[in-house]
Amino acid sequence: MLHKTRGIVLRTVKYGDTSAIVNIFTELFGVQAYMVNGVRSSKPKAKGNLLQPGNILDLIVYHYEQKSIQRISEFKLGYISTSLQVNVVKNTVALYMIELLQKSLKEPEEHLELYYFTEQALQALDQTPLAIAANIPLYFTLKLAEYLGFRLNGRYSEYASYLDLQEGSFTDLPPHHSNYLDAENSELTDRLFQCYEWESLGNITMNKDKRRKLLYAYLDFFKLHLPDFQELHSPPILHEILDA
């Protein structure tokens, strides 16, 4: 049966001489693998360049529950970016977001709210100044955790100034383990998490070392709450680019 859906390209792997297997985070079916024939040929109508990670597509797909690899009938760009593929900073941020999604979404199940948030995040990254783009990896990581079911609880205050990453909550005293943030980083995390407009991220300033420390802390938060969560390859590249 044919279905219309939006989708975000996560990964494309060559298959044979002209085809590809593409992993796409779809609006209707979650993460799915698709066989796409003829996209890598030299013919003028070949559309392999549309299957870059981070691209948002309008899709018409075949879907059969019993199959592990589906097929695409038609696809085209659902959003035309202006800077995402050409700006090295924004492209690196997008690749981090895509890798984090790949490592976090294991089952082919619908995640409507997360899908719409991810689309919005990629479009915001494309459209916002670099000062905001630099904080998007932190914000996206915190919000992804919320959509996956292990959100932060409570708020930072002088009476709850430590963020316990094991419990996902703010506490008045340092916990009896090492998985927590000190008062300064806990306050920054609370400010990031409470942003409801992308522009607000530009009001939170921090140096490169602070961003690096926070991002690795948030990834530790994922390891504590997602079974079999694996190391990401993109953070060192991300930090190098953001530090430049």
C-alpha atoms as a PDB file:
ATOM      1  CA  MET A   1       0.000   0.000   0.000  1.00  0.00           C
ATOM      2  CA  LEU A   2       1.257   3.515  -0.830  1.00  0.00           C
ATOM      3  CA  HIS A   3       1.544   6.207   1.849  1.00  0.00           C
ATOM      4  CA  LYS A   4       2.493   9.881   1.771  1.00  0.00           C
ATOM      5  CA  THR A   5       4.889  10.854   4.546  1.00  0.00           C
ATOM      6  CA  ARG A   6       7.630  13.296   5.373  1.00  0.00           C
ATOM      7  CA  GLY A   7      11.065  11.990   6.260  1.00  0.00           C
ATOM      8  CA  ILE A   8      14.547  13.034   7.415  1.00  0.00           C
ATOM      9  CA  VAL A   9      17.507  11.233   5.850  1.00  0.00           C
ATOM     10  CA  LEU A  10      19.737   9.620   8.478  1.00  0.00           C
ATOM     11  CA  ARG A  11      22.136   7.500   6.442  1.00  0.00           C
ATOM     12  CA  THR A  12      22.700   6.446   2.843  1.00  0.00           C
ATOM     13  CA  VAL A  13      24.722   3.374   1.856  1.00  0.00           C
ATOM     14  CA  LYS A  14      25.627   2.429  -1.708  1.00  0.00           C
ATOM     15  CA  TYR A  15      24.045  -0.764  -3.016  1.00  0.00           C
ATOM     16  CA  GLY A  16      25.210  -2.209  -6.315  1.00  0.00           C
ATOM     17  CA  ASP A  17      26.204   0.128  -9.130  1.00  0.00           C
ATOM     18  CA  THR A  18      23.312   2.578  -9.096  1.00  0.00           C
ATOM     19  CA  SER A  19      21.146   1.922  -6.036  1.00  0.00           C
ATOM     20  CA  ALA A  20      21.249   2.815  -2.345  1.00  0.00           C
ATOM     21  CA  ILE A  21      19.784   1.711   0.966  1.00  0.00           C
ATOM     22  CA  VAL A  22      18.601   4.785   2.846  1.00  0.00           C
ATOM     23  CA  ASN A  23      17.688   4.987   6.522  1.00  0.00           C
ATOM     24  CA  ILE A  24      15.005   7.632   7.002  1.00  0.00           C
ATOM     25  CA  PHE A  25      13.270   8.908  10.128  1.00  0.00           C
ATOM     26  CA  THR A  26       9.724   9.113   8.788  1.00  0.00           C
ATOM     27  CA  GLU A  27       6.731  11.005  10.095  1.00  0.00           C
ATOM     28  CA  LEU A  28       4.384   7.996   9.898  1.00  0.00           C
ATOM     29  CA  PHE A  29       6.543   4.935  10.523  1.00  0.00           C
ATOM     30  CA  GLY A  30       9.541   6.046  12.570  1.00  0.00           C
ATOM     31  CA  VAL A  31      12.959   4.892  11.387  1.00  0.00           C
ATOM     32  CA  GLN A  32      12.754   2.782   8.225  1.00  0.00           C
ATOM     33  CA  ALA A  33      15.238   1.389   5.688  1.00  0.00           C
ATOM     34  CA  TYR A  34      14.403   1.938   2.014  1.00  0.00           C
ATOM     35  CA  MET A  35      15.840   0.487  -1.168  1.00  0.00           C
ATOM     36  CA  VAL A  36      16.104   3.231  -3.785  1.00  0.00           C
ATOM     37  CA  ASN A  37      16.985   2.095  -7.297  1.00  0.00           C
ATOM     38  CA  GLY A  38      18.763   4.126  -9.961  1.00  0.00           C
ATOM     39  CA  VAL A  39      19.642   7.116  -7.777  1.00  0.00           C
ATOM     40  CA  ARG A  40      23.386   6.903  -8.377  1.00  0.00           C
ATOM     41  CA  SER A  41      23.340   6.677 -12.166  1.00  0.00           C
ATOM     42  CA  SER A  42      24.725   9.385 -14.449  1.00  0.00           C
ATOM     43  CA  LYS A  43      21.298  10.070 -15.925  1.00  0.00           C
ATOM     44  CA  PRO A  44      20.094  13.680 -15.604  1.00  0.00           C
ATOM     45  CA  LYS A  45      17.013  12.611 -13.629  1.00  0.00           C
ATOM     46  CA  ALA A  46      19.017  10.691 -10.988  1.00  0.00           C
ATOM     47  CA  LYS A  47      18.285  12.193  -7.562  1.00  0.00           C
ATOM     48  CA  GLY A  48      20.994  10.705  -5.368  1.00  0.00           C
ATOM     49  CA  ASN A  49      22.085  14.170  -4.183  1.00  0.00           C
ATOM     50  CA  LEU A  50      18.719  14.550  -2.428  1.00  0.00           C
ATOM     51  CA  LEU A  51      19.586  11.684  -0.088  1.00  0.00           C
ATOM     52  CA  GLN A  52      22.162  13.619   1.961  1.00  0.00           C
ATOM     53  CA  PRO A  53      21.883  13.109   5.755  1.00  0.00           C
ATOM     54  CA  GLY A  54      19.761  15.863   7.264  1.00  0.00           C
ATOM     55  CA  ASN A  55      17.663  16.487   4.154  1.00  0.00           C
ATOM     56  CA  ILE A  56      13.917  16.696   4.722  1.00  0.00           C
ATOM     57  CA  LEU A  57      11.929  14.849   2.062  1.00  0.00           C
ATOM     58  CA  ASP A  58       8.363  14.494   0.847  1.00  0.00           C
ATOM     59  CA  LEU A  59       7.926  10.774   0.214  1.00  0.00           C
ATOM     60  CA  ILE A  60       5.477   8.339  -1.329  1.00  0.00           C
ATOM     61  CA  VAL A  61       6.434   4.926   0.039  1.00  0.00           C
ATOM     62  CA  TYR A  62       5.343   1.321   0.044  1.00  0.00           C
ATOM     63  CA  HIS A  63       4.952  -0.018   3.566  1.00  0.00           C
ATOM     64  CA  TYR A  64       4.606  -3.637   4.636  1.00  0.00           C
ATOM     65  CA  GLU A  65       4.872  -4.399   8.339  1.00  0.00           C
ATOM     66  CA  GLN A  66       6.576  -7.747   7.767  1.00  0.00           C
ATOM     67  CA  LYS A  67       9.421  -6.323   5.666  1.00  0.00           C
ATOM     68  CA  SER A  68      12.681  -4.941   7.064  1.00  0.00           C
ATOM     69  CA  ILE A  69      13.530  -3.011   3.890  1.00  0.00           C
ATOM     70  CA  GLN A  70      10.783  -0.955   2.244  1.00  0.00           C
ATOM     71  CA  ARG A  71      10.666   0.780  -1.138  1.00  0.00           C
ATOM     72  CA  ILE A  72      10.153   4.398  -2.178  1.00  0.00           C
ATOM     73  CA  SER A  73       7.827   5.189  -5.061  1.00  0.00           C
ATOM     74  CA  GLU A  74       8.604   8.925  -5.294  1.00  0.00           C
ATOM     75  CA  PHE A  75      10.587  11.496  -3.341  1.00  0.00           C
ATOM     76  CA  LYS A  76      11.493  15.173  -3.507  1.00  0.00           C
ATOM     77  CA  LEU A  77      12.878  17.807  -1.166  1.00  0.00           C
ATOM     78  CA  GLY A  78      10.338  18.837   1.446  1.00  0.00           C
ATOM     79  CA  TYR A  79      12.456  21.751   2.619  1.00  0.00           C
ATOM     80  CA  ILE A  80      15.087  23.616   0.618  1.00  0.00           C
ATOM     81  CA  SER A  81      17.889  24.728   2.926  1.00  0.00           C
ATOM     82  CA  THR A  82      19.874  27.894   2.306  1.00  0.00           C
ATOM     83  CA  SER A  83      22.957  27.287   4.459  1.00  0.00           C
ATOM     84  CA  LEU A  84      22.812  23.824   6.032  1.00  0.00           C
ATOM     85  CA  GLN A  85      24.809  22.006   3.351  1.00  0.00           C
ATOM     86  CA  VAL A  86      27.278  24.818   2.589  1.00  0.00           C
ATOM     87  CA  ASN A  87      28.100  26.248   6.019  1.00  0.00           C
ATOM     88  CA  VAL A  88      30.638  23.966   7.714  1.00  0.00           C
ATOM     89  CA  VAL A  89      29.524  24.846  11.262  1.00  0.00           C
ATOM     90  CA  LYS A  90      25.819  24.278  10.612  1.00  0.00           C
ATOM     91  CA  ASN A  91      26.514  21.124   8.589  1.00  0.00           C
ATOM     92  CA  THR A  92      28.589  19.673  11.432  1.00  0.00           C
ATOM     93  CA  VAL A  93      25.854  20.494  13.970  1.00  0.00           C
ATOM     94  CA  ALA A  94      23.290  18.791  11.717  1.00  0.00           C
ATOM     95  CA  LEU A  95      25.462  15.679  11.394  1.00  0.00           C
ATOM     96  CA  TYR A  96      25.752  15.510  15.195  1.00  0.00           C
ATOM     97  CA  MET A  97      21.958  15.707  15.518  1.00  0.00           C
ATOM     98  CA  ILE A  98      21.506  13.000  12.897  1.00  0.00           C
ATOM     99  CA  GLU A  99      24.047  10.673  14.535  1.00  0.00           C
ATOM    100  CA  LEU A 100      22.398  11.163  17.933  1.00  0.00           C
ATOM    101  CA  LEU A 101      19.046  10.204  16.422  1.00  0.00           C
ATOM    102  CA  GLN A 102      20.580   7.116  14.810  1.00  0.00           C
ATOM    103  CA  LYS A 103      22.047   5.954  18.121  1.00  0.00           C
ATOM    104  CA  SER A 104      18.842   6.697  20.048  1.00  0.00           C
ATOM    105  CA  LEU A 105      16.065   5.372  17.768  1.00  0.00           C
ATOM    106  CA  LYS A 106      16.331   1.606  17.474  1.00  0.00           C
ATOM    107  CA  GLU A 107      12.761   0.486  16.876  1.00  0.00           C
ATOM    108  CA  PRO A 108      10.687   1.281  13.743  1.00  0.00           C
ATOM    109  CA  GLU A 109       7.856   2.931  15.635  1.00  0.00           C
ATOM    110  CA  GLU A 110       6.017   6.217  15.175  1.00  0.00           C
ATOM    111  CA  HIS A 111       7.409   9.237  17.083  1.00  0.00           C
ATOM    112  CA  LEU A 112       5.222  12.046  15.748  1.00  0.00           C
ATOM    113  CA  GLU A 113       6.129  14.769  18.244  1.00  0.00           C
ATOM    114  CA  LEU A 114       9.841  13.942  18.033  1.00  0.00           C
ATOM    115  CA  TYR A 115       9.682  13.910  14.242  1.00  0.00           C
ATOM    116  CA  TYR A 116       8.092  17.379  14.107  1.00  0.00           C
ATOM    117  CA  PHE A 117      10.574  18.714  16.669  1.00  0.00           C
ATOM    118  CA  THR A 118      13.517  17.374  14.640  1.00  0.00           C
ATOM    119  CA  GLU A 119      12.197  18.957  11.450  1.00  0.00           C
ATOM    120  CA  GLN A 120      11.798  22.242  13.303  1.00  0.00           C
ATOM    121  CA  ALA A 121      15.318  21.942  14.755  1.00  0.00           C
ATOM    122  CA  LEU A 122      16.929  21.402  11.342  1.00  0.00           C
ATOM    123  CA  GLN A 123      15.025  24.320   9.828  1.00  0.00           C
ATOM    124  CA  ALA A 124      15.946  26.560  12.784  1.00  0.00           C
ATOM    125  CA  LEU A 125      19.594  25.538  12.414  1.00  0.00           C
ATOM    126  CA  ASP A 126      19.427  26.467   8.734  1.00  0.00           C
ATOM    127  CA  GLN A 127      17.879  29.879   9.379  1.00  0.00           C
ATOM    128  CA  THR A 128      19.466  31.150  12.604  1.00  0.00           C
ATOM    129  CA  PRO A 129      22.784  32.992  13.175  1.00  0.00           C
ATOM    130  CA  LEU A 130      25.864  31.033  14.224  1.00  0.00           C
ATOM    131  CA  ALA A 131      25.613  32.334  17.806  1.00  0.00           C
ATOM    132  CA  ILE A 132      22.380  30.379  18.152  1.00  0.00           C
ATOM    133  CA  ALA A 133      23.581  27.397  16.112  1.00  0.00           C
ATOM    134  CA  ALA A 134      26.418  26.840  18.602  1.00  0.00           C
ATOM    135  CA  ASN A 135      23.908  26.097  21.387  1.00  0.00           C
ATOM    136  CA  ILE A 136      21.571  23.932  19.309  1.00  0.00           C
ATOM    137  CA  PRO A 137      23.504  20.658  19.956  1.00  0.00           C
ATOM    138  CA  LEU A 138      23.027  21.121  23.723  1.00  0.00           C
ATOM    139  CA  TYR A 139      19.370  22.083  23.432  1.00  0.00           C
ATOM    140  CA  PHE A 140      18.577  19.312  20.940  1.00  0.00           C
ATOM    141  CA  THR A 141      20.210  16.697  23.173  1.00  0.00           C
ATOM    142  CA  LEU A 142      18.212  17.765  26.239  1.00  0.00           C
ATOM    143  CA  LYS A 143      14.929  17.881  24.321  1.00  0.00           C
ATOM    144  CA  LEU A 144      15.557  14.538  22.606  1.00  0.00           C
ATOM    145  CA  ALA A 145      15.920  12.968  26.053  1.00  0.00           C
ATOM    146  CA  GLU A 146      12.544  14.459  26.992  1.00  0.00           C
ATOM    147  CA  TYR A 147      10.862  13.007  23.896  1.00  0.00           C
ATOM    148  CA  LEU A 148      12.424   9.624  24.603  1.00  0.00           C
ATOM    149  CA  GLY A 149      10.934   9.575  28.097  1.00  0.00           C
ATOM    150  CA  PHE A 150      13.698  10.621  30.494  1.00  0.00           C
ATOM    151  CA  ARG A 151      13.208  14.368  30.791  1.00  0.00           C
ATOM    152  CA  LEU A 152      14.700  16.586  33.488  1.00  0.00           C
ATOM    153  CA  ASN A 153      12.468  17.031  36.535  1.00  0.00           C
ATOM    154  CA  GLY A 154      12.186  20.166  38.628  1.00  0.00           C
ATOM    155  CA  ARG A 155      14.024  23.463  38.269  1.00  0.00           C
ATOM    156  CA  TYR A 156      17.350  24.876  39.342  1.00  0.00           C
ATOM    157  CA  SER A 157      17.269  27.128  42.422  1.00  0.00           C
ATOM    158  CA  GLU A 158      19.527  28.035  45.329  1.00  0.00           C
ATOM    159  CA  TYR A 159      17.786  25.215  47.206  1.00  0.00           C
ATOM    160  CA  ALA A 160      18.172  22.698  44.349  1.00  0.00           C
ATOM    161  CA  SER A 161      21.475  23.571  42.734  1.00  0.00           C
ATOM    162  CA  TYR A 162      22.825  20.151  41.688  1.00  0.00           C
ATOM    163  CA  LEU A 163      21.536  18.187  38.714  1.00  0.00           C
ATOM    164  CA  ASP A 164      21.592  14.454  39.469  1.00  0.00           C
ATOM    165  CA  LEU A 165      21.976  12.801  36.052  1.00  0.00           C
ATOM    166  CA  GLN A 166      21.063   9.348  37.355  1.00  0.00           C
ATOM    167  CA  GLU A 167      17.733  10.574  38.702  1.00  0.00           C
ATOM    168  CA  GLY A 168      17.256  13.329  36.126  1.00  0.00           C
ATOM    169  CA  SER A 169      16.320  15.828  38.837  1.00  0.00           C
ATOM    170  CA  PHE A 170      17.677  18.841  40.713  1.00  0.00           C
ATOM    171  CA  THR A 171      18.695  18.286  44.320  1.00  0.00           C
ATOM    172  CA  ASP A 172      19.900  20.359  47.253  1.00  0.00           C
ATOM    173  CA  LEU A 173      23.056  18.330  47.954  1.00  0.00           C
ATOM    174  CA  PRO A 174      25.580  16.552  45.724  1.00  0.00           C
ATOM    175  CA  PRO A 175      24.498  12.899  45.312  1.00  0.00           C
ATOM    176  CA  HIS A 176      26.696  10.009  46.512  1.00  0.00           C
ATOM    177  CA  HIS A 177      27.985   9.273  43.021  1.00  0.00           C
ATOM    178  CA  SER A 178      29.864  11.149  40.296  1.00  0.00           C
ATOM    179  CA  ASN A 179      27.034  11.498  37.759  1.00  0.00           C
ATOM    180  CA  TYR A 180      25.924  15.033  38.556  1.00  0.00           C
ATOM    181  CA  LEU A 181      26.508  18.641  37.527  1.00  0.00           C
ATOM    182  CA  ASP A 182      27.760  21.395  39.813  1.00  0.00           C
ATOM    183  CA  ALA A 183      25.716  24.511  40.501  1.00  0.00           C
ATOM    184  CA  GLU A 184      27.029  26.575  37.576  1.00  0.00           C
ATOM    185  CA  ASN A 185      26.457  23.847  34.987  1.00  0.00           C
ATOM    186  CA  SER A 186      23.114  22.908  36.534  1.00  0.00           C
ATOM    187  CA  GLU A 187      21.910  26.502  36.182  1.00  0.00           C
ATOM    188  CA  LEU A 188      23.077  26.637  32.543  1.00  0.00           C
ATOM    189  CA  THR A 189      21.285  23.361  31.841  1.00  0.00           C
ATOM    190  CA  ASP A 190      18.057  24.649  33.364  1.00  0.00           C
ATOM    191  CA  ARG A 191      18.271  27.844  31.290  1.00  0.00           C
ATOM    192  CA  LEU A 192      18.820  25.843  28.110  1.00  0.00           C
ATOM    193  CA  PHE A 193      15.986  23.438  28.865  1.00  0.00           C
ATOM    194  CA  GLN A 194      13.539  26.274  29.546  1.00  0.00           C
ATOM    195  CA  CYS A 195      14.080  27.925  26.141  1.00  0.00           C
ATOM    196  CA  TYR A 196      10.851  27.792  24.141  1.00  0.00           C
ATOM    197  CA  GLU A 197      12.023  29.816  21.147  1.00  0.00           C
ATOM    198  CA  TRP A 198      15.159  29.110  19.161  1.00  0.00           C
ATOM    199  CA  GLU A 199      16.163  32.771  19.315  1.00  0.00           C
ATOM    200  CA  SER A 200      16.377  32.510  23.114  1.00  0.00           C
ATOM    201  CA  LEU A 201      19.375  30.210  22.767  1.00  0.00           C
ATOM    202  CA  GLY A 202      21.374  33.219  21.596  1.00  0.00           C
ATOM    203  CA  ASN A 203      20.963  34.799  25.054  1.00  0.00           C
ATOM    204  CA  ILE A 204      22.935  31.996  26.719  1.00  0.00           C
ATOM    205  CA  THR A 205      26.639  32.627  26.350  1.00  0.00           C
ATOM    206  CA  MET A 206      29.393  30.202  27.323  1.00  0.00           C
ATOM    207  CA  ASN A 207      32.908  29.400  26.233  1.00  0.00           C
ATOM    208  CA  LYS A 208      33.993  26.385  24.209  1.00  0.00           C
ATOM    209  CA  ASP A 209      35.161  24.402  27.250  1.00  0.00           C
ATOM    210  CA  LYS A 210      31.805  24.852  28.958  1.00  0.00           C
ATOM    211  CA  ARG A 211      29.928  23.677  25.857  1.00  0.00           C
ATOM    212  CA  ARG A 212      32.197  20.649  25.547  1.00  0.00           C
ATOM    213  CA  LYS A 213      31.784  19.671  29.205  1.00  0.00           C
ATOM    214  CA  LEU A 214      28.009  20.045  29.079  1.00  0.00           C
ATOM    215  CA  LEU A 215      27.599  18.059  25.871  1.00  0.00           C
ATOM    216  CA  TYR A 216      29.573  15.108  27.212  1.00  0.00           C
ATOM    217  CA  ALA A 217      27.579  15.280  30.458  1.00  0.00           C
ATOM    218  CA  TYR A 218      24.332  15.146  28.471  1.00  0.00           C
ATOM    219  CA  LEU A 219      25.618  12.150  26.500  1.00  0.00           C
ATOM    220  CA  ASP A 220      26.439  10.467  29.829  1.00  0.00           C
ATOM    221  CA  PHE A 221      22.800  11.176  30.751  1.00  0.00           C
ATOM    222  CA  PHE A 222      21.805   9.179  27.649  1.00  0.00           C
ATOM    223  CA  LYS A 223      24.108   6.302  28.607  1.00  0.00           C
ATOM    224  CA  LEU A 224      22.515   6.162  32.037  1.00  0.00           C
ATOM    225  CA  HIS A 225      18.971   5.961  30.667  1.00  0.00           C
ATOM    226  CA  LEU A 226      19.183   4.257  27.257  1.00  0.00           C
ATOM    227  CA  PRO A 227      20.282   0.607  27.209  1.00  0.00           C
ATOM    228  CA  ASP A 228      23.094  -0.109  24.736  1.00  0.00           C
ATOM    229  CA  PHE A 229      23.611   3.573  23.883  1.00  0.00           C
ATOM    230  CA  GLN A 230      26.883   3.719  21.948  1.00  0.00           C
ATOM    231  CA  GLU A 231      29.629   6.331  21.701  1.00  0.00           C
ATOM    232  CA  LEU A 232      29.167   8.996  19.033  1.00  0.00           C
ATOM    233  CA  HIS A 233      31.886   9.822  16.501  1.00  0.00           C
ATOM    234  CA  SER A 234      30.780  13.392  15.780  1.00  0.00           C
ATOM    235  CA  PRO A 235      31.330  15.287  19.096  1.00  0.00           C
ATOM    236  CA  PRO A 236      35.136  15.712  18.723  1.00  0.00           C
ATOM    237  CA  ILE A 237      34.611  17.084  15.196  1.00  0.00           C
ATOM    238  CA  LEU A 238      31.764  19.277  16.436  1.00  0.00           C
ATOM    239  CA  HIS A 239      33.932  20.769  19.182  1.00  0.00           C
ATOM    240  CA  GLU A 240      36.800  21.401  16.808  1.00  0.00           C
ATOM    241  CA  ILE A 241      34.510  23.228  14.381  1.00  0.00           C
ATOM    242  CA  LEU A 242      32.753  25.244  17.097  1.00  0.00           C
ATOM    243  CA  ASP A 243      36.110  26.173  18.632  1.00  0.00           C
ATOM    244  CA  ALA A 244      37.446  27.523  15.341  1.00  0.00           C
END
